[in-house]
């Protein structure tokens, strides 16, 4: 896993301790423990947590993209969101599907591109 600098890039001078914890602990230590839990599984868990909390901003879109980069197909993402809809709410699923369609746009058939 490459060295993460997102926290420092965005918040470094404003919130240096938060940036350090984000980059070095969350991303540098927790996410790096691939021998304990795969990046693919961590992506699914993170998407579930954000969707459950109703966080539908760029952080959820980033983690959907991250999941795609960790091998989760559009079909699997659709199944994950559909499954979660019954546990965390139908509106949460609709909001997450909108972001997932943006991330997986090149994998979607042309008839599914409506609204993008």
C-alpha atoms as a PDB file:
ATOM      1  CA  UNK A   1       0.000   0.000   0.000  1.00  0.00           C
ATOM      2  CA  UNK A   2       1.402   3.378  -0.953  1.00  0.00           C
ATOM      3  CA  UNK A   3       2.010   6.109   1.618  1.00  0.00           C
ATOM      4  CA  UNK A   4      -1.168   8.128   2.109  1.00  0.00           C
ATOM      5  CA  UNK A   5      -1.025  11.899   2.339  1.00  0.00           C
ATOM      6  CA  UNK A   6      -4.699  12.835   1.874  1.00  0.00           C
ATOM      7  CA  UNK A   7      -5.030  14.185   5.421  1.00  0.00           C
ATOM      8  CA  UNK A   8      -1.880  16.247   5.212  1.00  0.00           C
ATOM      9  CA  UNK A   9      -2.750  17.459   1.711  1.00  0.00           C
ATOM     10  CA  UNK A  10      -6.186  18.711   2.764  1.00  0.00           C
ATOM     11  CA  UNK A  11      -5.850  19.518   6.479  1.00  0.00           C
ATOM     12  CA  UNK A  12      -2.119  19.532   7.206  1.00  0.00           C
ATOM     13  CA  UNK A  13      -1.710  23.099   8.389  1.00  0.00           C
ATOM     14  CA  UNK A  14      -5.269  23.514   9.736  1.00  0.00           C
ATOM     15  CA  UNK A  15      -5.551  20.255  11.700  1.00  0.00           C
ATOM     16  CA  UNK A  16      -2.113  18.639  11.737  1.00  0.00           C
ATOM     17  CA  UNK A  17      -2.879  16.052  14.444  1.00  0.00           C
ATOM     18  CA  UNK A  18      -6.052  14.894  12.670  1.00  0.00           C
ATOM     19  CA  UNK A  19      -4.109  14.712   9.390  1.00  0.00           C
ATOM     20  CA  UNK A  20      -1.402  12.643  11.083  1.00  0.00           C
ATOM     21  CA  UNK A  21      -3.950  10.231  12.584  1.00  0.00           C
ATOM     22  CA  UNK A  22      -5.739   9.923   9.242  1.00  0.00           C
ATOM     23  CA  UNK A  23      -2.619   9.252   7.195  1.00  0.00           C
ATOM     24  CA  UNK A  24      -0.404   7.359   9.624  1.00  0.00           C
ATOM     25  CA  UNK A  25      -2.841   5.467  11.852  1.00  0.00           C
ATOM     26  CA  UNK A  26      -6.077   4.895   9.911  1.00  0.00           C
ATOM     27  CA  UNK A  27      -4.534   4.512   6.474  1.00  0.00           C
ATOM     28  CA  UNK A  28      -0.955   3.680   7.382  1.00  0.00           C
ATOM     29  CA  UNK A  29      -1.632   1.103  10.106  1.00  0.00           C
ATOM     30  CA  UNK A  30      -5.251  -0.049  10.152  1.00  0.00           C
ATOM     31  CA  UNK A  31      -5.832  -0.343   6.388  1.00  0.00           C
ATOM     32  CA  UNK A  32      -2.321  -1.758   5.955  1.00  0.00           C
ATOM     33  CA  UNK A  33      -3.062  -4.920   7.960  1.00  0.00           C
ATOM     34  CA  UNK A  34      -3.929  -6.897   4.848  1.00  0.00           C
ATOM     35  CA  UNK A  35      -2.801 -10.134   6.497  1.00  0.00           C
ATOM     36  CA  UNK A  36      -5.684  -9.702   8.968  1.00  0.00           C
ATOM     37  CA  UNK A  37      -8.413  -8.455   6.610  1.00  0.00           C
ATOM     38  CA  UNK A  38      -8.199  -7.881   2.867  1.00  0.00           C
ATOM     39  CA  UNK A  39      -8.499  -4.443   1.297  1.00  0.00           C
ATOM     40  CA  UNK A  40     -11.548  -5.769  -0.558  1.00  0.00           C
ATOM     41  CA  UNK A  41     -13.272  -6.677   2.710  1.00  0.00           C
ATOM     42  CA  UNK A  42     -12.240  -3.409   4.344  1.00  0.00           C
ATOM     43  CA  UNK A  43     -13.807  -1.564   1.401  1.00  0.00           C
ATOM     44  CA  UNK A  44     -17.109  -3.414   1.831  1.00  0.00           C
ATOM     45  CA  UNK A  45     -17.121  -2.696   5.563  1.00  0.00           C
ATOM     46  CA  UNK A  46     -16.341   0.978   5.030  1.00  0.00           C
ATOM     47  CA  UNK A  47     -19.075   1.405   2.415  1.00  0.00           C
ATOM     48  CA  UNK A  48     -21.508  -0.301   4.775  1.00  0.00           C
ATOM     49  CA  UNK A  49     -20.558   2.016   7.632  1.00  0.00           C
ATOM     50  CA  UNK A  50     -20.868   5.188   5.548  1.00  0.00           C
ATOM     51  CA  UNK A  51     -24.152   4.069   3.974  1.00  0.00           C
ATOM     52  CA  UNK A  52     -25.531   3.170   7.413  1.00  0.00           C
ATOM     53  CA  UNK A  53     -24.641   6.598   8.787  1.00  0.00           C
ATOM     54  CA  UNK A  54     -26.210   8.346   5.776  1.00  0.00           C
ATOM     55  CA  UNK A  55     -22.933   9.821   4.550  1.00  0.00           C
ATOM     56  CA  UNK A  56     -23.451  10.280   0.815  1.00  0.00           C
ATOM     57  CA  UNK A  57     -20.715  12.780   0.032  1.00  0.00           C
ATOM     58  CA  UNK A  58     -17.379  12.415  -1.729  1.00  0.00           C
ATOM     59  CA  UNK A  59     -16.077  10.113   1.002  1.00  0.00           C
ATOM     60  CA  UNK A  60     -18.613   7.408   0.089  1.00  0.00           C
ATOM     61  CA  UNK A  61     -17.912   7.904  -3.611  1.00  0.00           C
ATOM     62  CA  UNK A  62     -14.179   7.638  -2.887  1.00  0.00           C
ATOM     63  CA  UNK A  63     -14.681   4.366  -1.010  1.00  0.00           C
ATOM     64  CA  UNK A  64     -16.877   2.951  -3.776  1.00  0.00           C
ATOM     65  CA  UNK A  65     -14.076   3.777  -6.212  1.00  0.00           C
ATOM     66  CA  UNK A  66     -11.583   2.243  -3.791  1.00  0.00           C
ATOM     67  CA  UNK A  67     -13.711  -0.921  -3.681  1.00  0.00           C
ATOM     68  CA  UNK A  68     -13.693  -1.041  -7.467  1.00  0.00           C
ATOM     69  CA  UNK A  69      -9.899  -0.758  -7.399  1.00  0.00           C
ATOM     70  CA  UNK A  70      -9.830  -3.644  -4.897  1.00  0.00           C
ATOM     71  CA  UNK A  71     -11.687  -5.922  -7.301  1.00  0.00           C
ATOM     72  CA  UNK A  72     -15.366  -5.410  -6.506  1.00  0.00           C
ATOM     73  CA  UNK A  73     -17.306  -5.557  -9.769  1.00  0.00           C
ATOM     74  CA  UNK A  74     -20.339  -3.432 -10.639  1.00  0.00           C
ATOM     75  CA  UNK A  75     -22.531  -6.511 -10.221  1.00  0.00           C
ATOM     76  CA  UNK A  76     -21.107  -7.190  -6.754  1.00  0.00           C
ATOM     77  CA  UNK A  77     -21.506  -3.528  -5.750  1.00  0.00           C
ATOM     78  CA  UNK A  78     -25.130  -3.629  -6.869  1.00  0.00           C
ATOM     79  CA  UNK A  79     -25.685  -6.747  -4.775  1.00  0.00           C
ATOM     80  CA  UNK A  80     -23.972  -5.210  -1.733  1.00  0.00           C
ATOM     81  CA  UNK A  81     -26.149  -2.093  -1.907  1.00  0.00           C
ATOM     82  CA  UNK A  82     -29.329  -4.098  -2.515  1.00  0.00           C
ATOM     83  CA  UNK A  83     -28.573  -6.330   0.467  1.00  0.00           C
ATOM     84  CA  UNK A  84     -27.873  -3.335   2.674  1.00  0.00           C
ATOM     85  CA  UNK A  85     -31.102  -1.604   1.617  1.00  0.00           C
ATOM     86  CA  UNK A  86     -33.086  -3.994   3.797  1.00  0.00           C
ATOM     87  CA  UNK A  87     -30.943  -3.277   6.854  1.00  0.00           C
ATOM     88  CA  UNK A  88     -30.028   0.398   6.591  1.00  0.00           C
ATOM     89  CA  UNK A  89     -32.859   1.893   4.572  1.00  0.00           C
ATOM     90  CA  UNK A  90     -34.260   2.139   1.080  1.00  0.00           C
ATOM     91  CA  UNK A  91     -33.436   5.869   0.682  1.00  0.00           C
ATOM     92  CA  UNK A  92     -29.837   5.139   1.703  1.00  0.00           C
ATOM     93  CA  UNK A  93     -29.647   2.549  -1.059  1.00  0.00           C
ATOM     94  CA  UNK A  94     -31.004   4.981  -3.653  1.00  0.00           C
ATOM     95  CA  UNK A  95     -28.426   7.590  -2.654  1.00  0.00           C
ATOM     96  CA  UNK A  96     -25.607   5.028  -2.748  1.00  0.00           C
ATOM     97  CA  UNK A  97     -26.701   3.635  -6.129  1.00  0.00           C
ATOM     98  CA  UNK A  98     -26.420   7.142  -7.621  1.00  0.00           C
ATOM     99  CA  UNK A  99     -22.765   7.350  -6.527  1.00  0.00           C
ATOM    100  CA  UNK A 100     -21.997   3.770  -7.551  1.00  0.00           C
ATOM    101  CA  UNK A 101     -23.368   4.370 -11.056  1.00  0.00           C
ATOM    102  CA  UNK A 102     -20.958   7.309 -11.417  1.00  0.00           C
ATOM    103  CA  UNK A 103     -18.015   5.137 -10.345  1.00  0.00           C
ATOM    104  CA  UNK A 104     -18.937   2.149 -12.508  1.00  0.00           C
ATOM    105  CA  UNK A 105     -20.202   4.174 -15.503  1.00  0.00           C
ATOM    106  CA  UNK A 106     -17.882   2.504 -18.032  1.00  0.00           C
ATOM    107  CA  UNK A 107     -19.164  -0.940 -17.018  1.00  0.00           C
ATOM    108  CA  UNK A 108     -22.859  -0.094 -17.385  1.00  0.00           C
ATOM    109  CA  UNK A 109     -24.960  -0.936 -20.432  1.00  0.00           C
ATOM    110  CA  UNK A 110     -26.079   2.191 -22.321  1.00  0.00           C
ATOM    111  CA  UNK A 111     -29.725   1.823 -21.200  1.00  0.00           C
ATOM    112  CA  UNK A 112     -28.586   2.177 -17.574  1.00  0.00           C
ATOM    113  CA  UNK A 113     -26.811   5.479 -18.113  1.00  0.00           C
ATOM    114  CA  UNK A 114     -29.977   7.556 -17.675  1.00  0.00           C
ATOM    115  CA  UNK A 115     -29.498  10.304 -15.169  1.00  0.00           C
ATOM    116  CA  UNK A 116     -25.704  10.380 -15.383  1.00  0.00           C
END
